[in-house]
N, C-alpha and C. Protein backbone atom coordinates (compact mmCIF):
# COMPACT_ATOMS: atom_id res chain seq x y z
N MET A 1 4.52 -7.09 9.92
CA MET A 1 3.65 -7.87 9.67
C MET A 1 2.97 -6.77 9.64
N ILE A 2 2.71 -6.23 8.08
CA ILE A 2 1.71 -4.78 8.00
C ILE A 2 -0.05 -5.51 7.62
N ARG A 3 -0.41 -4.48 8.86
CA ARG A 3 -2.15 -4.19 9.48
C ARG A 3 -2.80 -3.23 9.00
N ILE A 4 -3.24 -3.55 8.56
CA ILE A 4 -4.30 -2.55 7.82
C ILE A 4 -6.25 -2.61 7.84
N LEU A 5 -6.93 -1.95 8.44
CA LEU A 5 -7.75 -1.65 8.54
C LEU A 5 -8.83 -0.57 7.50
N ILE A 6 -9.77 -1.42 6.88
CA ILE A 6 -10.75 -1.06 5.76
C ILE A 6 -12.32 -0.81 6.66
N ALA A 7 -13.09 0.13 6.65
CA ALA A 7 -13.93 0.51 7.06
C ALA A 7 -14.33 1.09 5.84
N ASP A 8 -15.44 0.60 5.70
CA ASP A 8 -16.81 0.60 3.94
C ASP A 8 -17.96 0.37 4.79
N PRO A 9 -18.97 0.79 4.10
CA PRO A 9 -20.47 0.27 4.29
C PRO A 9 -20.72 -0.19 3.17
N ASP A 10 -20.19 -0.90 2.06
CA ASP A 10 -19.74 -1.51 1.35
C ASP A 10 -19.69 -2.90 1.33
N SER A 11 -19.72 -3.99 1.36
CA SER A 11 -19.19 -5.29 1.77
C SER A 11 -18.02 -5.37 1.06
N ALA A 12 -18.78 -5.61 -0.69
CA ALA A 12 -18.26 -5.29 -1.91
C ALA A 12 -17.02 -5.10 -2.07
N THR A 13 -16.80 -3.58 -1.68
CA THR A 13 -15.67 -2.86 -1.15
C THR A 13 -14.61 -3.03 -0.50
N ARG A 14 -15.56 -3.67 0.62
CA ARG A 14 -14.55 -4.00 1.51
C ARG A 14 -13.05 -5.51 0.90
N LYS A 15 -14.48 -6.07 0.34
CA LYS A 15 -13.64 -7.47 0.39
C LYS A 15 -12.59 -7.17 -1.09
N ALA A 16 -13.18 -6.19 -2.32
CA ALA A 16 -11.82 -6.17 -3.03
C ALA A 16 -10.92 -5.59 -2.44
N LEU A 17 -10.72 -3.88 -1.63
CA LEU A 17 -9.80 -3.48 -0.71
C LEU A 17 -8.86 -5.14 -0.85
N ALA A 18 -9.29 -5.82 0.49
CA ALA A 18 -8.61 -6.93 1.06
C ALA A 18 -8.31 -8.13 0.14
N LEU A 19 -8.58 -7.98 -1.00
CA LEU A 19 -8.82 -8.98 -2.01
C LEU A 19 -6.82 -8.03 -2.43
N LEU A 20 -7.37 -7.15 -3.37
CA LEU A 20 -5.77 -6.40 -3.85
C LEU A 20 -4.95 -5.72 -2.60
N LEU A 21 -5.10 -5.46 -1.57
CA LEU A 21 -4.68 -5.17 -0.77
C LEU A 21 -3.27 -6.97 -0.44
N GLN A 22 -4.27 -7.79 0.08
CA GLN A 22 -3.47 -9.52 -0.33
C GLN A 22 -2.06 -9.28 -1.46
N HIS A 23 -2.98 -8.97 -2.49
CA HIS A 23 -2.02 -9.41 -3.46
C HIS A 23 -0.86 -8.66 -3.84
N LYS A 24 -0.95 -7.78 -3.44
CA LYS A 24 -0.05 -6.54 -4.14
C LYS A 24 0.72 -6.00 -3.15
N LEU A 25 0.13 -6.04 -1.94
CA LEU A 25 1.47 -5.92 -1.03
C LEU A 25 2.02 -6.95 0.55
N GLY A 26 1.02 -8.17 0.06
CA GLY A 26 1.57 -9.04 0.67
C GLY A 26 0.83 -9.07 2.44
N ALA A 27 -0.19 -8.11 2.47
CA ALA A 27 -0.65 -7.53 3.65
C ALA A 27 -1.40 -8.70 4.56
N TYR A 28 -1.07 -9.03 5.64
CA TYR A 28 -1.29 -10.52 6.23
C TYR A 28 -2.11 -9.98 7.05
N SER A 29 -2.83 -8.81 8.01
CA SER A 29 -3.40 -8.45 8.77
C SER A 29 -3.98 -7.89 8.17
N ILE A 30 -5.33 -8.07 7.33
CA ILE A 30 -6.75 -7.31 6.97
C ILE A 30 -7.54 -7.48 8.25
N ILE A 31 -8.25 -6.52 9.12
CA ILE A 31 -9.34 -5.68 9.66
C ILE A 31 -10.96 -5.68 8.70
N GLU A 32 -11.78 -5.53 8.01
CA GLU A 32 -13.27 -5.08 8.18
C GLU A 32 -13.73 -4.59 8.53
N VAL A 33 -14.49 -3.80 8.51
CA VAL A 33 -15.79 -2.99 9.08
C VAL A 33 -16.45 -2.02 8.60
N GLN A 34 -17.89 -2.00 9.55
CA GLN A 34 -18.81 -1.17 7.95
C GLN A 34 -19.34 -0.73 8.57
N ASP A 35 -18.60 -0.06 9.86
CA ASP A 35 -19.89 1.32 10.81
C ASP A 35 -18.22 2.18 11.56
N VAL A 36 -18.25 3.09 11.97
CA VAL A 36 -17.73 3.73 12.90
C VAL A 36 -17.92 3.46 14.40
N GLU A 37 -18.68 3.10 14.58
CA GLU A 37 -19.01 1.85 16.44
C GLU A 37 -17.76 0.97 16.02
N THR A 38 -17.83 -0.36 14.82
CA THR A 38 -17.41 -1.43 14.88
C THR A 38 -16.04 -1.23 14.91
N LEU A 39 -15.58 0.42 13.66
CA LEU A 39 -13.78 0.93 13.41
C LEU A 39 -13.64 1.26 14.77
N ILE A 40 -14.30 2.08 15.95
CA ILE A 40 -13.58 2.28 17.14
C ILE A 40 -13.14 0.62 18.15
N ARG A 41 -14.19 -0.13 18.72
CA ARG A 41 -13.79 -1.29 18.89
C ARG A 41 -12.43 -1.73 18.14
N SER A 42 -12.67 -2.10 16.95
CA SER A 42 -11.57 -2.73 16.57
C SER A 42 -9.90 -1.68 16.44
N LEU A 43 -9.61 -0.74 16.58
CA LEU A 43 -8.97 -0.21 17.37
C LEU A 43 -8.24 0.15 18.64
N ALA A 44 -9.78 -0.14 19.06
CA ALA A 44 -8.99 -0.19 20.80
C ALA A 44 -8.66 -1.58 20.64
N ASP A 45 -9.21 -2.21 20.16
CA ASP A 45 -8.70 -4.12 20.07
C ASP A 45 -7.34 -4.21 19.31
N SER A 46 -6.88 -3.53 18.34
CA SER A 46 -5.65 -3.66 17.17
C SER A 46 -4.81 -2.78 17.68
N SER A 47 -3.89 -2.57 16.74
CA SER A 47 -2.73 -1.67 15.96
C SER A 47 -2.60 -1.18 14.86
N PRO A 48 -3.45 -0.70 13.54
CA PRO A 48 -2.84 -1.00 12.41
C PRO A 48 -2.20 -0.45 12.14
N ASP A 49 -1.50 -0.30 11.06
CA ASP A 49 -0.55 0.73 10.45
C ASP A 49 -1.25 1.34 10.11
N VAL A 50 -2.21 0.98 8.87
CA VAL A 50 -3.21 1.80 8.11
C VAL A 50 -4.82 1.76 8.37
N LEU A 51 -5.21 3.14 8.65
CA LEU A 51 -6.65 3.12 8.41
C LEU A 51 -7.53 3.92 6.86
N LEU A 52 -8.09 2.50 5.50
CA LEU A 52 -8.72 2.65 5.18
C LEU A 52 -10.31 3.51 5.26
N LEU A 53 -10.63 5.00 5.02
CA LEU A 53 -11.53 5.00 6.15
C LEU A 53 -12.10 5.45 4.37
N ASP A 54 -13.93 4.67 4.18
CA ASP A 54 -14.64 5.86 3.76
C ASP A 54 -15.04 6.39 3.16
N TRP A 55 -15.28 7.51 2.75
CA TRP A 55 -15.90 8.62 2.96
C TRP A 55 -17.61 9.33 3.56
N ARG A 56 -18.57 8.21 2.89
CA ARG A 56 -19.88 7.77 3.11
C ARG A 56 -19.44 6.79 4.40
N LEU A 57 -18.64 6.47 5.82
CA LEU A 57 -19.05 5.67 6.35
C LEU A 57 -19.49 5.91 7.56
N TYR A 58 -20.50 5.47 7.77
CA TYR A 58 -21.90 5.84 8.59
C TYR A 58 -21.80 6.43 10.32
N GLY A 59 -21.85 6.71 10.59
CA GLY A 59 -21.41 7.72 12.34
C GLY A 59 -20.97 8.87 12.90
N SER A 60 -20.06 9.91 11.52
CA SER A 60 -19.47 10.79 10.77
C SER A 60 -19.03 11.06 10.61
N PRO A 61 -19.20 12.68 10.36
CA PRO A 61 -18.51 13.20 8.93
C PRO A 61 -17.20 12.85 8.55
N ALA A 62 -16.65 12.15 7.78
CA ALA A 62 -14.87 11.74 7.59
C ALA A 62 -13.81 12.65 8.20
N PRO A 63 -13.99 13.64 7.42
CA PRO A 63 -13.23 14.59 8.05
C PRO A 63 -12.87 14.93 9.70
N GLU A 64 -13.70 14.72 10.05
CA GLU A 64 -13.83 14.97 11.53
C GLU A 64 -13.96 13.52 12.24
N THR A 65 -13.88 12.41 11.56
CA THR A 65 -13.57 11.29 12.00
C THR A 65 -12.06 11.48 12.17
N CYS A 66 -11.35 11.60 10.88
CA CYS A 66 -10.44 11.75 10.89
C CYS A 66 -9.79 12.35 12.16
N ARG A 67 -9.60 13.77 12.11
CA ARG A 67 -9.38 14.14 13.18
C ARG A 67 -9.05 13.99 14.23
N LEU A 68 -10.64 13.34 14.77
CA LEU A 68 -10.94 12.78 15.91
C LEU A 68 -9.82 11.20 16.28
N LEU A 69 -9.84 10.56 15.81
CA LEU A 69 -8.85 9.90 14.84
C LEU A 69 -7.36 10.21 15.28
N GLN A 70 -7.01 10.89 14.98
CA GLN A 70 -5.63 11.05 14.34
C GLN A 70 -5.69 11.60 15.93
N LYS A 71 -6.32 12.14 16.59
CA LYS A 71 -6.00 12.81 18.14
C LYS A 71 -5.41 11.69 19.36
N ALA A 72 -7.08 10.44 18.64
CA ALA A 72 -6.39 9.09 19.78
C ALA A 72 -5.23 8.25 19.85
N TYR A 73 -5.09 8.23 17.85
CA TYR A 73 -3.86 7.62 17.94
C TYR A 73 -3.29 7.92 17.00
N PRO A 74 -2.29 8.90 17.37
CA PRO A 74 -1.50 9.68 16.51
C PRO A 74 -0.81 8.82 15.61
N HIS A 75 0.24 8.31 15.87
CA HIS A 75 0.72 6.85 14.93
C HIS A 75 -0.03 6.72 13.77
N LEU A 76 -1.47 6.31 13.16
CA LEU A 76 -2.34 5.82 12.68
C LEU A 76 -2.19 6.83 11.89
N LYS A 77 -2.06 6.15 10.30
CA LYS A 77 -2.20 6.64 9.01
C LYS A 77 -3.32 6.49 8.34
N ILE A 78 -3.75 7.99 7.74
CA ILE A 78 -4.91 7.25 8.16
C ILE A 78 -5.52 7.97 5.94
N VAL A 79 -5.52 7.16 5.78
CA VAL A 79 -6.34 7.59 3.85
C VAL A 79 -7.98 7.72 3.64
N LEU A 80 -8.25 8.48 3.30
CA LEU A 80 -10.05 8.96 3.08
C LEU A 80 -9.94 8.64 1.92
N LEU A 81 -11.01 7.12 1.51
CA LEU A 81 -11.18 7.24 0.21
C LEU A 81 -12.71 7.73 -0.59
N SER A 82 -13.40 7.59 -1.11
CA SER A 82 -14.33 9.11 -1.80
C SER A 82 -14.62 8.69 -3.53
N VAL A 83 -16.07 8.31 -3.71
CA VAL A 83 -15.96 8.83 -5.38
C VAL A 83 -16.17 9.79 -5.72
N ASP A 84 -15.88 10.72 -4.79
CA ASP A 84 -16.13 12.17 -4.92
C ASP A 84 -14.86 13.27 -5.31
N ALA A 85 -13.77 13.15 -6.06
CA ALA A 85 -12.47 14.06 -6.74
C ALA A 85 -12.75 15.43 -5.71
N ASN A 86 -13.66 15.85 -5.37
CA ASN A 86 -13.67 17.30 -4.82
C ASN A 86 -13.79 16.58 -3.44
N ASP A 87 -13.27 15.54 -2.36
CA ASP A 87 -13.08 15.40 -1.33
C ASP A 87 -11.66 16.19 -1.73
N ALA A 88 -10.88 15.45 -2.17
CA ALA A 88 -9.07 15.79 -1.67
C ALA A 88 -9.16 16.62 -0.65
N ALA A 89 -8.87 18.01 -1.16
CA ALA A 89 -8.59 18.66 -0.19
C ALA A 89 -9.52 18.50 1.20
N ALA A 90 -10.27 19.04 0.89
CA ALA A 90 -10.92 18.76 2.69
C ALA A 90 -10.59 16.75 3.13
N ALA A 91 -9.65 16.59 2.93
CA ALA A 91 -9.15 14.95 3.36
C ALA A 91 -7.61 15.71 3.36
N LYS A 92 -6.83 16.05 2.85
CA LYS A 92 -5.69 16.54 3.32
C LYS A 92 -5.66 18.27 4.65
N GLU A 93 -7.18 18.67 4.35
CA GLU A 93 -6.88 19.70 5.52
C GLU A 93 -6.87 18.54 6.68
N ALA A 94 -7.78 17.77 6.92
CA ALA A 94 -8.53 16.62 7.94
C ALA A 94 -6.92 16.20 8.46
N GLY A 95 -5.74 16.05 7.95
CA GLY A 95 -4.30 15.70 8.10
C GLY A 95 -4.44 13.88 7.65
N ALA A 96 -5.31 13.37 5.72
CA ALA A 96 -5.53 12.54 5.44
C ALA A 96 -4.81 11.81 4.13
N MET A 97 -3.93 11.14 3.74
CA MET A 97 -4.49 11.05 2.04
C MET A 97 -5.66 11.02 2.04
N PHE A 98 -5.68 11.34 0.36
CA PHE A 98 -6.52 10.63 -0.37
C PHE A 98 -6.51 9.85 -1.41
N ILE A 99 -7.91 8.77 -1.81
CA ILE A 99 -8.14 8.73 -2.95
C ILE A 99 -9.54 8.50 -3.26
N HIS A 100 -9.23 8.45 -4.63
CA HIS A 100 -10.39 8.34 -5.91
C HIS A 100 -10.60 7.14 -5.19
N LYS A 101 -12.37 6.86 -5.23
CA LYS A 101 -12.23 5.68 -5.31
C LYS A 101 -12.73 4.66 -6.58
N GLY A 102 -12.04 6.08 -8.09
CA GLY A 102 -12.21 4.99 -9.35
C GLY A 102 -10.65 5.53 -9.63
N ALA A 103 -10.02 5.55 -9.05
CA ALA A 103 -8.56 5.43 -9.50
C ALA A 103 -7.88 3.95 -9.90
N ALA A 104 -7.51 4.27 -10.41
CA ALA A 104 -6.37 2.73 -10.97
C ALA A 104 -6.10 1.85 -9.49
N PRO A 105 -6.00 0.93 -9.89
CA PRO A 105 -5.56 -0.30 -7.69
C PRO A 105 -3.85 -0.03 -8.44
N ASP A 106 -3.41 0.61 -9.60
CA ASP A 106 -2.23 0.79 -9.37
C ASP A 106 -2.10 2.02 -8.13
N GLU A 107 -2.56 3.03 -8.45
CA GLU A 107 -2.35 4.29 -7.82
C GLU A 107 -2.75 3.77 -6.11
N LEU A 108 -3.70 3.28 -6.37
CA LEU A 108 -4.16 2.90 -4.98
C LEU A 108 -3.25 2.40 -3.83
N ILE A 109 -2.22 1.45 -4.33
CA ILE A 109 -0.38 0.52 -3.95
C ILE A 109 0.18 1.53 -3.85
N ALA A 110 -0.11 2.54 -4.90
CA ALA A 110 1.62 3.47 -4.76
C ALA A 110 0.85 4.67 -3.37
N VAL A 111 0.26 5.32 -3.37
CA VAL A 111 -0.40 5.63 -2.07
C VAL A 111 -0.18 4.53 -0.53
N LEU A 112 -0.77 3.10 -0.53
CA LEU A 112 -0.48 2.29 0.19
C LEU A 112 1.23 2.55 0.35
N LYS A 113 1.75 2.40 0.04
CA LYS A 113 3.47 2.24 -0.19
C LYS A 113 3.99 3.38 0.47
N SER A 114 3.59 4.22 0.03
CA SER A 114 4.36 4.97 0.19
C SER A 114 3.26 6.03 2.45
N VAL A 115 2.41 5.74 2.16
CA VAL A 115 1.62 5.50 3.57
C VAL A 115 2.63 3.74 4.23
N LEU A 116 3.08 3.40 3.69
CA LEU A 116 3.61 2.41 4.86
C LEU A 116 4.94 2.71 4.88
N ALA A 117 6.22 3.02 4.08
CA ALA A 117 6.99 3.98 4.49
C ALA A 117 6.90 4.83 5.46
N GLN A 118 6.44 5.97 5.17
CA GLN A 118 6.34 6.73 6.18
C GLN A 118 5.94 5.97 7.63
N SER A 119 4.98 5.57 7.53
CA SER A 119 4.68 4.88 8.85
C SER A 119 5.60 4.11 9.78
N PHE A 120 6.85 3.50 8.77
CA PHE A 120 7.30 2.43 9.46
C PHE A 120 9.04 2.86 9.16
N ASP A 121 9.23 4.17 8.75
CA ASP A 121 9.71 5.52 9.60
C ASP A 121 9.83 5.84 10.47
N GLN A 122 9.00 6.74 10.98
CA GLN A 122 8.79 6.89 11.54
C GLN A 122 8.85 6.05 13.03
N ASN A 123 8.57 5.00 12.85
CA ASN A 123 8.14 3.74 14.24
C ASN A 123 9.50 3.88 14.04
N ASP A 124 10.48 2.90 13.19
CA ASP A 124 12.27 3.33 13.38
C ASP A 124 12.26 4.18 14.21
N SER A 125 12.26 4.88 13.95
CA SER A 125 12.99 6.65 14.16
C SER A 125 12.72 6.91 15.59
N GLU A 126 11.76 6.39 16.00
CA GLU A 126 10.75 6.45 17.97
C GLU A 126 11.70 5.36 18.51
N GLN A 127 11.99 4.35 18.32
CA GLN A 127 12.52 3.61 18.89
C GLN A 127 14.11 3.18 18.71
N VAL A 128 14.67 4.75 18.58
CA VAL A 128 15.87 4.91 18.64
C VAL A 128 16.38 5.09 19.87
């Protein structure tokens, strides 16, 4: 089962992403959070495959949050979402994939499929 955590301060964006993911990926478990505090609690309670992290999530700068989460949850794949395409380099530097919020839905799905494939390949090789 695919588990995705969406962390975005805008409820409409979270709902739209959740609907898109359920429709295109068949994601069964989607958790939505609106702030860093809830994000941390949700990560402790569940083990998502992917985190969609909005650049503007209140509580901590996105690249710093990304680095901290990767230390605490090394198997978590993080995709940073931003309305500013110039944030792509900082996302890559922080070890995350990047999706511009103005991108077509098919581009988002293509990136997520790639991230999920990496995640499942990594999990399979660790179990051998």
